[in-house]
Amino acid sequence: MKDLLYAIVEGLVEDRSAIKITQDDPDSEGVIVMHLSVAPDDMGRVIGKQGRIAKTIRTIMRASAARSNMKVTVEID
């Protein structure tokens, strides 16, 4: 799952070295929270106008996780 998130974000940002992805252990409901951190200058590119890109990233990750019987959510820090 980290590889998919990295591949998506890698195409959006200019400073690829600043991409950091951490993953929490599943909570009581089995949801895995992935924390995405990028350079401050690239934050707008990842979030997009009115959060559309961020919402799309979360949708793609949820759909991919569902194929593996997992639950994933993405938090952009």
PDB file of N, CA and C in Angstrom:
ATOM      1  N   MET A   1       0.814  -1.187   0.000  1.00  0.00           N
ATOM      2  CA  MET A   1       0.000   0.000   0.000  1.00  0.00           C
ATOM      3  C   MET A   1       0.871   1.271   0.000  1.00  0.00           C
ATOM      4  N   LYS A   2       1.992   1.210   0.711  1.00  0.00           N
ATOM      5  CA  LYS A   2       2.878   2.364   0.733  1.00  0.00           C
ATOM      6  C   LYS A   2       3.407   2.664  -0.663  1.00  0.00           C
ATOM      7  N   ASP A   3       3.707   1.612  -1.415  1.00  0.00           N
ATOM      8  CA  ASP A   3       4.241   1.795  -2.765  1.00  0.00           C
ATOM      9  C   ASP A   3       3.237   2.495  -3.668  1.00  0.00           C
ATOM     10  N   LEU A   4       1.975   2.128  -3.563  1.00  0.00           N
ATOM     11  CA  LEU A   4       0.934   2.761  -4.369  1.00  0.00           C
ATOM     12  C   LEU A   4       0.807   4.234  -4.012  1.00  0.00           C
ATOM     13  N   LEU A   5       0.759   4.536  -2.728  1.00  0.00           N
ATOM     14  CA  LEU A   5       0.641   5.927  -2.288  1.00  0.00           C
ATOM     15  C   LEU A   5       1.851   6.729  -2.743  1.00  0.00           C
ATOM     16  N   TYR A   6       3.030   6.157  -2.628  1.00  0.00           N
ATOM     17  CA  TYR A   6       4.247   6.849  -3.054  1.00  0.00           C
ATOM     18  C   TYR A   6       4.211   7.111  -4.558  1.00  0.00           C
ATOM     19  N   ALA A   7       3.774   6.128  -5.334  1.00  0.00           N
ATOM     20  CA  ALA A   7       3.714   6.290  -6.793  1.00  0.00           C
ATOM     21  C   ALA A   7       2.751   7.404  -7.193  1.00  0.00           C
ATOM     22  N   ILE A   8       1.631   7.507  -6.497  1.00  0.00           N
ATOM     23  CA  ILE A   8       0.657   8.556  -6.801  1.00  0.00           C
ATOM     24  C   ILE A   8       1.235   9.931  -6.478  1.00  0.00           C
ATOM     25  N   VAL A   9       1.799  10.060  -5.283  1.00  0.00           N
ATOM     26  CA  VAL A   9       2.278  11.358  -4.812  1.00  0.00           C
ATOM     27  C   VAL A   9       3.544  11.779  -5.559  1.00  0.00           C
ATOM     28  N   GLU A  10       4.347  10.829  -5.948  1.00  0.00           N
ATOM     29  CA  GLU A  10       5.604  11.114  -6.636  1.00  0.00           C
ATOM     30  C   GLU A  10       5.372  11.929  -7.916  1.00  0.00           C
ATOM     31  N   GLY A  11       4.286  11.648  -8.613  1.00  0.00           N
ATOM     32  CA  GLY A  11       3.987  12.373  -9.834  1.00  0.00           C
ATOM     33  C   GLY A  11       3.436  13.768  -9.606  1.00  0.00           C
ATOM     34  N   LEU A  12       3.035  14.071  -8.389  1.00  0.00           N
ATOM     35  CA  LEU A  12       2.427  15.368  -8.088  1.00  0.00           C
ATOM     36  C   LEU A  12       3.412  16.404  -7.564  1.00  0.00           C
ATOM     37  N   VAL A  13       4.447  15.954  -6.876  1.00  0.00           N
ATOM     38  CA  VAL A  13       5.328  16.885  -6.169  1.00  0.00           C
ATOM     39  C   VAL A  13       6.605  17.166  -6.951  1.00  0.00           C
ATOM     40  N   GLU A  14       7.268  18.262  -6.587  1.00  0.00           N
ATOM     41  CA  GLU A  14       8.559  18.593  -7.184  1.00  0.00           C
ATOM     42  C   GLU A  14       9.710  18.027  -6.367  1.00  0.00           C
ATOM     43  N   ASP A  15       9.594  18.071  -5.042  1.00  0.00           N
ATOM     44  CA  ASP A  15      10.658  17.593  -4.150  1.00  0.00           C
ATOM     45  C   ASP A  15      10.326  16.172  -3.692  1.00  0.00           C
ATOM     46  N   ARG A  16      10.752  15.202  -4.474  1.00  0.00           N
ATOM     47  CA  ARG A  16      10.439  13.791  -4.163  1.00  0.00           C
ATOM     48  C   ARG A  16      11.154  13.300  -2.907  1.00  0.00           C
ATOM     49  N   SER A  17      12.269  13.927  -2.566  1.00  0.00           N
ATOM     50  CA  SER A  17      13.022  13.480  -1.391  1.00  0.00           C
ATOM     51  C   SER A  17      12.305  13.818  -0.089  1.00  0.00           C
ATOM     52  N   ALA A  18      11.332  14.728  -0.143  1.00  0.00           N
ATOM     53  CA  ALA A  18      10.613  15.139   1.067  1.00  0.00           C
ATOM     54  C   ALA A  18       9.379  14.281   1.346  1.00  0.00           C
ATOM     55  N   ILE A  19       9.080  13.323   0.469  1.00  0.00           N
ATOM     56  CA  ILE A  19       7.911  12.469   0.682  1.00  0.00           C
ATOM     57  C   ILE A  19       8.209  11.490   1.811  1.00  0.00           C
ATOM     58  N   LYS A  20       7.352  11.508   2.832  1.00  0.00           N
ATOM     59  CA  LYS A  20       7.489  10.571   3.949  1.00  0.00           C
ATOM     60  C   LYS A  20       6.135   9.927   4.195  1.00  0.00           C
ATOM     61  N   ILE A  21       6.114   8.614   4.251  1.00  0.00           N
ATOM     62  CA  ILE A  21       4.881   7.881   4.496  1.00  0.00           C
ATOM     63  C   ILE A  21       5.095   6.979   5.702  1.00  0.00           C
ATOM     64  N   THR A  22       4.254   7.151   6.716  1.00  0.00           N
ATOM     65  CA  THR A  22       4.292   6.262   7.876  1.00  0.00           C
ATOM     66  C   THR A  22       2.939   5.581   7.996  1.00  0.00           C
ATOM     67  N   GLN A  23       2.968   4.418   8.602  1.00  0.00           N
ATOM     68  CA  GLN A  23       1.758   3.607   8.691  1.00  0.00           C
ATOM     69  C   GLN A  23       1.536   3.190  10.134  1.00  0.00           C
ATOM     70  N   ASP A  24       0.341   3.442  10.643  1.00  0.00           N
ATOM     71  CA  ASP A  24      -0.014   3.031  12.004  1.00  0.00           C
ATOM     72  C   ASP A  24      -0.492   1.581  11.990  1.00  0.00           C
ATOM     73  N   ASP A  25      -0.444   0.961  13.137  1.00  0.00           N
ATOM     74  CA  ASP A  25      -1.012  -0.375  13.269  1.00  0.00           C
ATOM     75  C   ASP A  25      -2.523  -0.285  13.161  1.00  0.00           C
ATOM     76  N   PRO A  26      -3.172  -1.360  12.732  1.00  0.00           N
ATOM     77  CA  PRO A  26      -4.645  -1.338  12.635  1.00  0.00           C
ATOM     78  C   PRO A  26      -5.286  -1.046  13.990  1.00  0.00           C
ATOM     79  N   ASP A  27      -6.336  -0.226  13.977  1.00  0.00           N
ATOM     80  CA  ASP A  27      -7.040   0.077  15.218  1.00  0.00           C
ATOM     81  C   ASP A  27      -8.048  -1.028  15.528  1.00  0.00           C
ATOM     82  N   SER A  28      -8.924  -0.796  16.482  1.00  0.00           N
ATOM     83  CA  SER A  28      -9.879  -1.824  16.911  1.00  0.00           C
ATOM     84  C   SER A  28     -10.843  -2.231  15.801  1.00  0.00           C
ATOM     85  N   GLU A  29     -11.071  -1.335  14.830  1.00  0.00           N
ATOM     86  CA  GLU A  29     -11.955  -1.650  13.713  1.00  0.00           C
ATOM     87  C   GLU A  29     -11.201  -2.200  12.509  1.00  0.00           C
ATOM     88  N   GLY A  30      -9.878  -2.308  12.620  1.00  0.00           N
ATOM     89  CA  GLY A  30      -9.067  -2.841  11.539  1.00  0.00           C
ATOM     90  C   GLY A  30      -8.649  -1.815  10.499  1.00  0.00           C
ATOM     91  N   VAL A  31      -8.813  -0.538  10.813  1.00  0.00           N
ATOM     92  CA  VAL A  31      -8.452   0.522   9.873  1.00  0.00           C
ATOM     93  C   VAL A  31      -6.979   0.891  10.044  1.00  0.00           C
ATOM     94  N   ILE A  32      -6.245   0.890   8.942  1.00  0.00           N
ATOM     95  CA  ILE A  32      -4.840   1.278   8.942  1.00  0.00           C
ATOM     96  C   ILE A  32      -4.767   2.740   8.498  1.00  0.00           C
ATOM     97  N   VAL A  33      -4.137   3.576   9.310  1.00  0.00           N
ATOM     98  CA  VAL A  33      -3.992   4.995   8.978  1.00  0.00           C
ATOM     99  C   VAL A  33      -2.594   5.214   8.413  1.00  0.00           C
ATOM    100  N   MET A  34      -2.544   5.785   7.212  1.00  0.00           N
ATOM    101  CA  MET A  34      -1.274   6.112   6.579  1.00  0.00           C
ATOM    102  C   MET A  34      -1.109   7.630   6.622  1.00  0.00           C
ATOM    103  N   HIS A  35       0.028   8.080   7.142  1.00  0.00           N
ATOM    104  CA  HIS A  35       0.316   9.510   7.261  1.00  0.00           C
ATOM    105  C   HIS A  35       1.259   9.908   6.139  1.00  0.00           C
ATOM    106  N   LEU A  36       0.849  10.892   5.356  1.00  0.00           N
ATOM    107  CA  LEU A  36       1.637  11.384   4.234  1.00  0.00           C
ATOM    108  C   LEU A  36       2.170  12.763   4.560  1.00  0.00           C
ATOM    109  N   SER A  37       3.458  12.944   4.371  1.00  0.00           N
ATOM    110  CA  SER A  37       4.086  14.228   4.611  1.00  0.00           C
ATOM    111  C   SER A  37       4.891  14.609   3.376  1.00  0.00           C
ATOM    112  N   VAL A  38       4.712  15.844   2.913  1.00  0.00           N
ATOM    113  CA  VAL A  38       5.468  16.355   1.770  1.00  0.00           C
ATOM    114  C   VAL A  38       6.052  17.711   2.132  1.00  0.00           C
ATOM    115  N   ALA A  39       6.863  18.256   1.246  1.00  0.00           N
ATOM    116  CA  ALA A  39       7.453  19.573   1.477  1.00  0.00           C
ATOM    117  C   ALA A  39       6.345  20.626   1.535  1.00  0.00           C
ATOM    118  N   PRO A  40       6.540  21.668   2.328  1.00  0.00           N
ATOM    119  CA  PRO A  40       5.508  22.717   2.438  1.00  0.00           C
ATOM    120  C   PRO A  40       5.128  23.338   1.092  1.00  0.00           C
ATOM    121  N   ASP A  41       6.093  23.469   0.190  1.00  0.00           N
ATOM    122  CA  ASP A  41       5.800  24.045  -1.125  1.00  0.00           C
ATOM    123  C   ASP A  41       4.930  23.128  -1.983  1.00  0.00           C
ATOM    124  N   ASP A  42       4.971  21.833  -1.717  1.00  0.00           N
ATOM    125  CA  ASP A  42       4.201  20.863  -2.499  1.00  0.00           C
ATOM    126  C   ASP A  42       2.843  20.537  -1.884  1.00  0.00           C
ATOM    127  N   MET A  43       2.563  21.072  -0.713  1.00  0.00           N
ATOM    128  CA  MET A  43       1.318  20.744  -0.021  1.00  0.00           C
ATOM    129  C   MET A  43       0.094  21.103  -0.859  1.00  0.00           C
ATOM    130  N   GLY A  44       0.117  22.233  -1.522  1.00  0.00           N
ATOM    131  CA  GLY A  44      -1.010  22.649  -2.354  1.00  0.00           C
ATOM    132  C   GLY A  44      -1.244  21.718  -3.528  1.00  0.00           C
ATOM    133  N   ARG A  45      -0.179  21.168  -4.074  1.00  0.00           N
ATOM    134  CA  ARG A  45      -0.305  20.233  -5.188  1.00  0.00           C
ATOM    135  C   ARG A  45      -0.965  18.929  -4.747  1.00  0.00           C
ATOM    136  N   VAL A  46      -0.667  18.499  -3.540  1.00  0.00           N
ATOM    137  CA  VAL A  46      -1.219  17.236  -3.037  1.00  0.00           C
ATOM    138  C   VAL A  46      -2.675  17.405  -2.608  1.00  0.00           C
ATOM    139  N   ILE A  47      -3.005  18.553  -2.050  1.00  0.00           N
ATOM    140  CA  ILE A  47      -4.373  18.787  -1.590  1.00  0.00           C
ATOM    141  C   ILE A  47      -5.279  19.179  -2.755  1.00  0.00           C
ATOM    142  N   GLY A  48      -4.825  20.075  -3.612  1.00  0.00           N
ATOM    143  CA  GLY A  48      -5.613  20.488  -4.767  1.00  0.00           C
ATOM    144  C   GLY A  48      -6.691  21.492  -4.405  1.00  0.00           C
ATOM    145  N   LYS A  49      -7.346  22.023  -5.433  1.00  0.00           N
ATOM    146  CA  LYS A  49      -8.421  22.995  -5.210  1.00  0.00           C
ATOM    147  C   LYS A  49      -9.575  22.324  -4.491  1.00  0.00           C
ATOM    148  N   GLN A  50      -9.976  22.939  -3.395  1.00  0.00           N
ATOM    149  CA  GLN A  50     -11.077  22.447  -2.562  1.00  0.00           C
ATOM    150  C   GLN A  50     -10.874  20.999  -2.114  1.00  0.00           C
ATOM    151  N   GLY A  51      -9.607  20.548  -2.051  1.00  0.00           N
ATOM    152  CA  GLY A  51      -9.294  19.210  -1.558  1.00  0.00           C
ATOM    153  C   GLY A  51      -9.613  18.077  -2.518  1.00  0.00           C
ATOM    154  N   ARG A  52      -9.784  18.401  -3.779  1.00  0.00           N
ATOM    155  CA  ARG A  52     -10.186  17.368  -4.745  1.00  0.00           C
ATOM    156  C   ARG A  52      -9.128  16.300  -4.960  1.00  0.00           C
ATOM    157  N   ILE A  53      -7.858  16.701  -5.050  1.00  0.00           N
ATOM    158  CA  ILE A  53      -6.807  15.715  -5.270  1.00  0.00           C
ATOM    159  C   ILE A  53      -6.650  14.831  -4.044  1.00  0.00           C
ATOM    160  N   ALA A  54      -6.688  15.427  -2.854  1.00  0.00           N
ATOM    161  CA  ALA A  54      -6.584  14.654  -1.617  1.00  0.00           C
ATOM    162  C   ALA A  54      -7.728  13.644  -1.521  1.00  0.00           C
ATOM    163  N   LYS A  55      -8.923  14.075  -1.874  1.00  0.00           N
ATOM    164  CA  LYS A  55     -10.077  13.177  -1.836  1.00  0.00           C
ATOM    165  C   LYS A  55      -9.902  12.023  -2.826  1.00  0.00           C
ATOM    166  N   THR A  56      -9.374  12.322  -4.004  1.00  0.00           N
ATOM    167  CA  THR A  56      -9.144  11.288  -5.006  1.00  0.00           C
ATOM    168  C   THR A  56      -8.080  10.295  -4.544  1.00  0.00           C
ATOM    169  N   ILE A  57      -7.016  10.789  -3.922  1.00  0.00           N
ATOM    170  CA  ILE A  57      -5.971   9.903  -3.390  1.00  0.00           C
ATOM    171  C   ILE A  57      -6.577   8.960  -2.354  1.00  0.00           C
ATOM    172  N   ARG A  58      -7.399   9.494  -1.460  1.00  0.00           N
ATOM    173  CA  ARG A  58      -8.032   8.664  -0.431  1.00  0.00           C
ATOM    174  C   ARG A  58      -8.958   7.619  -1.056  1.00  0.00           C
ATOM    175  N   THR A  59      -9.690   8.001  -2.106  1.00  0.00           N
ATOM    176  CA  THR A  59     -10.600   7.067  -2.776  1.00  0.00           C
ATOM    177  C   THR A  59      -9.829   5.933  -3.432  1.00  0.00           C
ATOM    178  N   ILE A  60      -8.744   6.258  -4.112  1.00  0.00           N
ATOM    179  CA  ILE A  60      -7.925   5.234  -4.767  1.00  0.00           C
ATOM    180  C   ILE A  60      -7.345   4.272  -3.739  1.00  0.00           C
ATOM    181  N   MET A  61      -6.848   4.807  -2.633  1.00  0.00           N
ATOM    182  CA  MET A  61      -6.251   3.957  -1.605  1.00  0.00           C
ATOM    183  C   MET A  61      -7.306   3.058  -0.958  1.00  0.00           C
ATOM    184  N   ARG A  62      -8.503   3.596  -0.711  1.00  0.00           N
ATOM    185  CA  ARG A  62      -9.581   2.792  -0.125  1.00  0.00           C
ATOM    186  C   ARG A  62      -9.987   1.664  -1.067  1.00  0.00           C
ATOM    187  N   ALA A  63     -10.099   1.981  -2.351  1.00  0.00           N
ATOM    188  CA  ALA A  63     -10.505   0.976  -3.331  1.00  0.00           C
ATOM    189  C   ALA A  63      -9.448  -0.118  -3.468  1.00  0.00           C
ATOM    190  N   SER A  64      -8.193   0.265  -3.472  1.00  0.00           N
ATOM    191  CA  SER A  64      -7.119  -0.718  -3.565  1.00  0.00           C
ATOM    192  C   SER A  64      -7.080  -1.603  -2.321  1.00  0.00           C
ATOM    193  N   ALA A  65      -7.288  -1.005  -1.164  1.00  0.00           N
ATOM    194  CA  ALA A  65      -7.285  -1.778   0.087  1.00  0.00           C
ATOM    195  C   ALA A  65      -8.469  -2.731   0.133  1.00  0.00           C
ATOM    196  N   ALA A  66      -9.598  -2.316  -0.404  1.00  0.00           N
ATOM    197  CA  ALA A  66     -10.794  -3.167  -0.384  1.00  0.00           C
ATOM    198  C   ALA A  66     -10.568  -4.440  -1.192  1.00  0.00           C
ATOM    199  N   ARG A  67      -9.765  -4.352  -2.232  1.00  0.00           N
ATOM    200  CA  ARG A  67      -9.463  -5.544  -3.037  1.00  0.00           C
ATOM    201  C   ARG A  67      -8.657  -6.570  -2.238  1.00  0.00           C
ATOM    202  N   SER A  68      -7.952  -6.087  -1.216  1.00  0.00           N
ATOM    203  CA  SER A  68      -7.153  -6.961  -0.356  1.00  0.00           C
ATOM    204  C   SER A  68      -7.820  -7.216   0.986  1.00  0.00           C
ATOM    205  N   ASN A  69      -9.118  -6.902   1.086  1.00  0.00           N
ATOM    206  CA  ASN A  69      -9.871  -7.038   2.328  1.00  0.00           C
ATOM    207  C   ASN A  69      -9.235  -6.286   3.486  1.00  0.00           C
ATOM    208  N   MET A  70      -8.806  -5.058   3.193  1.00  0.00           N
ATOM    209  CA  MET A  70      -8.218  -4.194   4.209  1.00  0.00           C
ATOM    210  C   MET A  70      -9.004  -2.886   4.235  1.00  0.00           C
ATOM    211  N   LYS A  71      -8.794  -2.104   5.289  1.00  0.00           N
ATOM    212  CA  LYS A  71      -9.381  -0.777   5.390  1.00  0.00           C
ATOM    213  C   LYS A  71      -8.233   0.205   5.608  1.00  0.00           C
ATOM    214  N   VAL A  72      -8.136   1.196   4.720  1.00  0.00           N
ATOM    215  CA  VAL A  72      -7.044   2.167   4.791  1.00  0.00           C
ATOM    216  C   VAL A  72      -7.602   3.569   4.690  1.00  0.00           C
ATOM    217  N   THR A  73      -7.027   4.479   5.452  1.00  0.00           N
ATOM    218  CA  THR A  73      -7.334   5.895   5.307  1.00  0.00           C
ATOM    219  C   THR A  73      -6.009   6.656   5.251  1.00  0.00           C
ATOM    220  N   VAL A  74      -6.019   7.783   4.553  1.00  0.00           N
ATOM    221  CA  VAL A  74      -4.799   8.574   4.370  1.00  0.00           C
ATOM    222  C   VAL A  74      -4.984   9.923   5.045  1.00  0.00           C
ATOM    223  N   GLU A  75      -4.009  10.292   5.863  1.00  0.00           N
ATOM    224  CA  GLU A  75      -3.993  11.600   6.506  1.00  0.00           C
ATOM    225  C   GLU A  75      -2.814  12.368   5.949  1.00  0.00           C
ATOM    226  N   ILE A  76      -3.069  13.598   5.508  1.00  0.00           N
ATOM    227  CA  ILE A  76      -1.998  14.429   4.956  1.00  0.00           C
ATOM    228  C   ILE A  76      -1.566  15.383   6.035  1.00  0.00           C
ATOM    229  N   ASP A  77      -0.308  15.251   6.450  1.00  0.00           N
ATOM    230  CA  ASP A  77       0.237  16.081   7.534  1.00  0.00           C
ATOM    231  C   ASP A  77       1.089  17.196   6.976  1.00  0.00           C
TER     232      ASP A  77
END
